[in-house]
């Protein structure tokens, strides 16, 4: 997992990243995962949308189910993490 600072306009070739922190994560703890869901730190995200333009305008798309969590709370899901940057 990495944290970066950005400069330049988002989603263009002028966007630049400076990686300030990085962590090596291991041993995802299912009990911590469950606790994060119960305390609303971890939320389930159903990622279905509709194309707004282009040849697929009006058609549905599904990016699958995902999870949302504050990036700082993410480390709490693991038994082991080591800062490498």
N, C-alpha and C. Protein backbone atom coordinates (compact mmCIF):
# COMPACT_ATOMS: atom_id res chain seq x y z
N UNK A 1 0.85 -1.16 0.00
CA UNK A 1 0.00 0.00 0.00
C UNK A 1 0.90 1.23 0.00
N UNK A 2 0.51 2.24 -0.77
CA UNK A 2 1.34 3.44 -0.87
C UNK A 2 0.47 4.70 -0.78
N UNK A 3 1.05 5.75 -0.24
CA UNK A 3 0.43 7.07 -0.18
C UNK A 3 1.28 8.02 -1.00
N UNK A 4 0.61 8.81 -1.86
CA UNK A 4 1.35 9.72 -2.74
C UNK A 4 0.78 11.13 -2.67
N UNK A 5 1.67 12.09 -2.89
CA UNK A 5 1.26 13.48 -3.07
C UNK A 5 1.21 13.70 -4.58
N UNK A 6 0.27 14.53 -5.03
CA UNK A 6 0.13 14.75 -6.47
C UNK A 6 0.32 16.22 -6.82
N UNK A 7 0.75 16.42 -8.05
CA UNK A 7 0.87 17.76 -8.63
C UNK A 7 0.37 17.68 -10.06
N UNK A 8 -0.11 18.79 -10.58
CA UNK A 8 -0.59 18.83 -11.96
C UNK A 8 -2.07 18.51 -12.03
N UNK A 9 -2.60 18.62 -13.23
CA UNK A 9 -4.02 18.39 -13.43
C UNK A 9 -4.33 16.90 -13.40
N UNK A 10 -5.37 16.55 -12.62
CA UNK A 10 -5.74 15.14 -12.45
C UNK A 10 -6.10 14.48 -13.77
N UNK A 11 -5.70 13.23 -13.88
CA UNK A 11 -6.03 12.37 -15.02
C UNK A 11 -5.55 12.93 -16.36
N UNK A 12 -4.44 13.65 -16.34
CA UNK A 12 -3.80 14.10 -17.57
C UNK A 12 -2.35 13.66 -17.53
N UNK A 13 -1.65 13.82 -18.65
CA UNK A 13 -0.24 13.44 -18.68
C UNK A 13 0.61 14.36 -17.81
N UNK A 14 0.04 15.49 -17.38
CA UNK A 14 0.76 16.42 -16.52
C UNK A 14 0.66 16.08 -15.04
N UNK A 15 -0.16 15.09 -14.68
CA UNK A 15 -0.29 14.70 -13.28
C UNK A 15 0.97 13.93 -12.87
N UNK A 16 1.56 14.35 -11.76
CA UNK A 16 2.78 13.73 -11.24
C UNK A 16 2.54 13.23 -9.82
N UNK A 17 3.23 12.16 -9.45
CA UNK A 17 3.08 11.56 -8.14
C UNK A 17 4.42 11.51 -7.41
N UNK A 18 4.38 11.82 -6.14
CA UNK A 18 5.55 11.66 -5.26
C UNK A 18 5.11 10.72 -4.13
N UNK A 19 5.64 9.51 -4.12
CA UNK A 19 5.25 8.53 -3.12
C UNK A 19 5.96 8.84 -1.81
N UNK A 20 5.15 9.20 -0.81
CA UNK A 20 5.68 9.65 0.48
C UNK A 20 5.76 8.52 1.51
N UNK A 21 4.85 7.56 1.41
CA UNK A 21 4.83 6.44 2.35
C UNK A 21 4.44 5.17 1.59
N UNK A 22 5.00 4.04 2.02
CA UNK A 22 4.60 2.74 1.48
C UNK A 22 4.72 1.71 2.58
N UNK A 23 3.81 0.75 2.56
CA UNK A 23 3.76 -0.27 3.60
C UNK A 23 3.68 -1.65 2.96
N UNK A 24 4.35 -2.61 3.58
CA UNK A 24 4.23 -4.02 3.23
C UNK A 24 3.23 -4.62 4.21
N UNK A 25 2.13 -5.14 3.68
CA UNK A 25 1.03 -5.65 4.51
C UNK A 25 1.00 -7.18 4.46
N UNK A 26 0.67 -7.80 5.60
CA UNK A 26 0.49 -9.26 5.60
C UNK A 26 -0.46 -9.66 6.72
N UNK A 27 -1.00 -10.84 6.57
CA UNK A 27 -1.92 -11.44 7.56
C UNK A 27 -3.18 -10.61 7.76
N UNK A 28 -4.01 -10.54 6.71
CA UNK A 28 -5.32 -9.92 6.84
C UNK A 28 -6.08 -10.65 7.94
N UNK A 29 -6.60 -9.91 8.91
CA UNK A 29 -7.27 -10.51 10.06
C UNK A 29 -8.78 -10.43 9.84
N UNK A 30 -9.43 -11.58 9.69
CA UNK A 30 -10.86 -11.63 9.40
C UNK A 30 -11.68 -11.02 10.53
N UNK A 31 -11.24 -11.15 11.77
CA UNK A 31 -11.97 -10.56 12.89
C UNK A 31 -11.89 -9.03 12.85
N UNK A 32 -10.75 -8.49 12.50
CA UNK A 32 -10.61 -7.04 12.36
C UNK A 32 -11.43 -6.54 11.18
N UNK A 33 -11.47 -7.34 10.10
CA UNK A 33 -12.27 -7.02 8.92
C UNK A 33 -13.75 -6.94 9.29
N UNK A 34 -14.23 -7.95 10.01
CA UNK A 34 -15.63 -8.00 10.46
C UNK A 34 -15.94 -6.83 11.38
N UNK A 35 -15.05 -6.53 12.30
CA UNK A 35 -15.23 -5.42 13.24
C UNK A 35 -15.30 -4.08 12.50
N UNK A 36 -14.49 -3.92 11.46
CA UNK A 36 -14.51 -2.69 10.67
C UNK A 36 -15.85 -2.51 9.95
N UNK A 37 -16.44 -3.61 9.49
CA UNK A 37 -17.77 -3.54 8.86
C UNK A 37 -18.82 -3.16 9.90
N UNK A 38 -18.77 -3.81 11.06
CA UNK A 38 -19.76 -3.55 12.11
C UNK A 38 -19.67 -2.12 12.65
N UNK A 39 -18.49 -1.52 12.64
CA UNK A 39 -18.34 -0.16 13.16
C UNK A 39 -18.44 0.90 12.05
N UNK A 40 -18.84 0.48 10.85
CA UNK A 40 -19.00 1.38 9.69
C UNK A 40 -17.70 2.02 9.22
N UNK A 41 -16.56 1.47 9.58
CA UNK A 41 -15.30 1.96 9.01
C UNK A 41 -15.10 1.39 7.61
N UNK A 42 -15.59 0.18 7.40
CA UNK A 42 -15.49 -0.50 6.11
C UNK A 42 -16.90 -0.63 5.54
N UNK A 43 -17.09 -0.12 4.34
CA UNK A 43 -18.42 -0.15 3.72
C UNK A 43 -18.37 -0.94 2.43
N UNK A 44 -19.44 -1.66 2.16
CA UNK A 44 -19.56 -2.42 0.91
C UNK A 44 -20.09 -1.47 -0.15
N UNK A 45 -19.47 -1.52 -1.32
CA UNK A 45 -19.79 -0.61 -2.42
C UNK A 45 -20.23 -1.42 -3.63
N UNK A 46 -21.50 -1.28 -4.02
CA UNK A 46 -22.01 -1.92 -5.22
C UNK A 46 -21.74 -0.96 -6.37
N UNK A 47 -20.82 -1.31 -7.26
CA UNK A 47 -20.34 -0.37 -8.27
C UNK A 47 -21.00 -0.61 -9.63
N UNK A 48 -22.25 -0.18 -9.72
CA UNK A 48 -23.02 -0.27 -10.96
C UNK A 48 -23.31 1.15 -11.42
N UNK A 49 -23.18 1.39 -12.70
CA UNK A 49 -23.43 2.73 -13.23
C UNK A 49 -24.00 2.67 -14.63
N UNK A 50 -24.16 3.85 -15.20
CA UNK A 50 -24.67 4.00 -16.57
C UNK A 50 -23.68 4.87 -17.32
N UNK A 51 -23.31 4.44 -18.52
CA UNK A 51 -22.43 5.26 -19.35
C UNK A 51 -23.15 6.56 -19.69
N UNK A 52 -22.45 7.67 -19.58
CA UNK A 52 -23.06 8.98 -19.81
C UNK A 52 -22.83 9.50 -21.22
N UNK A 53 -21.87 8.91 -21.92
CA UNK A 53 -21.58 9.39 -23.28
C UNK A 53 -20.96 8.25 -24.09
N UNK A 54 -20.71 8.53 -25.35
CA UNK A 54 -20.08 7.55 -26.22
C UNK A 54 -21.04 6.54 -26.78
N UNK A 55 -20.47 5.52 -27.43
CA UNK A 55 -21.32 4.53 -28.11
C UNK A 55 -22.17 3.71 -27.14
N UNK A 56 -21.78 3.64 -25.87
CA UNK A 56 -22.52 2.87 -24.87
C UNK A 56 -23.45 3.73 -24.02
N UNK A 57 -23.64 4.99 -24.40
CA UNK A 57 -24.47 5.91 -23.62
C UNK A 57 -25.82 5.26 -23.28
N UNK A 58 -26.17 5.31 -22.00
CA UNK A 58 -27.44 4.75 -21.53
C UNK A 58 -27.36 3.30 -21.12
N UNK A 59 -26.27 2.62 -21.45
CA UNK A 59 -26.14 1.21 -21.09
C UNK A 59 -25.54 1.10 -19.68
N UNK A 60 -25.92 0.05 -18.99
CA UNK A 60 -25.42 -0.22 -17.65
C UNK A 60 -24.05 -0.87 -17.72
N UNK A 61 -23.24 -0.65 -16.70
CA UNK A 61 -21.99 -1.37 -16.53
C UNK A 61 -21.81 -1.70 -15.06
N UNK A 62 -21.14 -2.80 -14.82
CA UNK A 62 -20.95 -3.30 -13.46
C UNK A 62 -19.47 -3.55 -13.23
N UNK A 63 -18.88 -2.82 -12.29
CA UNK A 63 -17.48 -2.98 -11.95
C UNK A 63 -17.29 -3.95 -10.78
N UNK A 64 -18.35 -4.62 -10.39
CA UNK A 64 -18.26 -5.59 -9.31
C UNK A 64 -18.40 -4.94 -7.94
N UNK A 65 -18.50 -5.76 -6.94
CA UNK A 65 -18.62 -5.29 -5.58
C UNK A 65 -17.24 -4.95 -5.04
N UNK A 66 -17.17 -3.86 -4.31
CA UNK A 66 -15.90 -3.44 -3.72
C UNK A 66 -16.10 -3.01 -2.28
N UNK A 67 -15.04 -2.53 -1.69
CA UNK A 67 -15.07 -2.05 -0.32
C UNK A 67 -14.49 -0.64 -0.27
N UNK A 68 -15.02 0.18 0.63
CA UNK A 68 -14.50 1.52 0.87
C UNK A 68 -14.09 1.63 2.33
N UNK A 69 -12.90 2.19 2.53
CA UNK A 69 -12.40 2.40 3.88
C UNK A 69 -11.44 3.58 3.83
N UNK A 70 -11.39 4.36 4.89
CA UNK A 70 -10.43 5.44 4.97
C UNK A 70 -9.03 4.84 4.86
N UNK A 71 -8.17 5.48 4.08
CA UNK A 71 -6.85 4.89 3.83
C UNK A 71 -6.05 4.67 5.11
N UNK A 72 -6.24 5.49 6.11
CA UNK A 72 -5.51 5.29 7.37
C UNK A 72 -6.08 4.13 8.18
N UNK A 73 -7.36 3.85 8.05
CA UNK A 73 -7.97 2.72 8.76
C UNK A 73 -7.61 1.38 8.10
N UNK A 74 -7.19 1.43 6.85
CA UNK A 74 -6.87 0.22 6.11
C UNK A 74 -5.79 -0.60 6.80
N UNK A 75 -4.80 0.06 7.38
CA UNK A 75 -3.72 -0.65 8.06
C UNK A 75 -4.22 -1.47 9.24
N UNK A 76 -5.31 -1.03 9.86
CA UNK A 76 -5.85 -1.73 11.03
C UNK A 76 -6.46 -3.08 10.70
N UNK A 77 -6.62 -3.41 9.42
CA UNK A 77 -7.19 -4.70 9.04
C UNK A 77 -6.17 -5.83 9.06
N UNK A 78 -4.90 -5.48 9.17
CA UNK A 78 -3.83 -6.46 9.07
C UNK A 78 -3.12 -6.65 10.40
N UNK A 79 -2.67 -7.87 10.64
CA UNK A 79 -1.91 -8.16 11.85
C UNK A 79 -0.48 -7.62 11.74
N UNK A 80 0.05 -7.59 10.52
CA UNK A 80 1.44 -7.15 10.33
C UNK A 80 1.51 -6.12 9.20
N UNK A 81 2.18 -5.02 9.47
CA UNK A 81 2.53 -4.09 8.41
C UNK A 81 3.83 -3.41 8.78
N UNK A 82 4.64 -3.21 7.75
CA UNK A 82 5.95 -2.60 7.93
C UNK A 82 6.08 -1.43 6.98
N UNK A 83 6.45 -0.28 7.50
CA UNK A 83 6.65 0.88 6.65
C UNK A 83 7.98 0.71 5.92
N UNK A 84 7.95 0.80 4.59
CA UNK A 84 9.16 0.62 3.80
C UNK A 84 9.63 1.93 3.16
N UNK A 85 8.78 2.94 3.13
CA UNK A 85 9.18 4.29 2.69
C UNK A 85 8.63 5.26 3.71
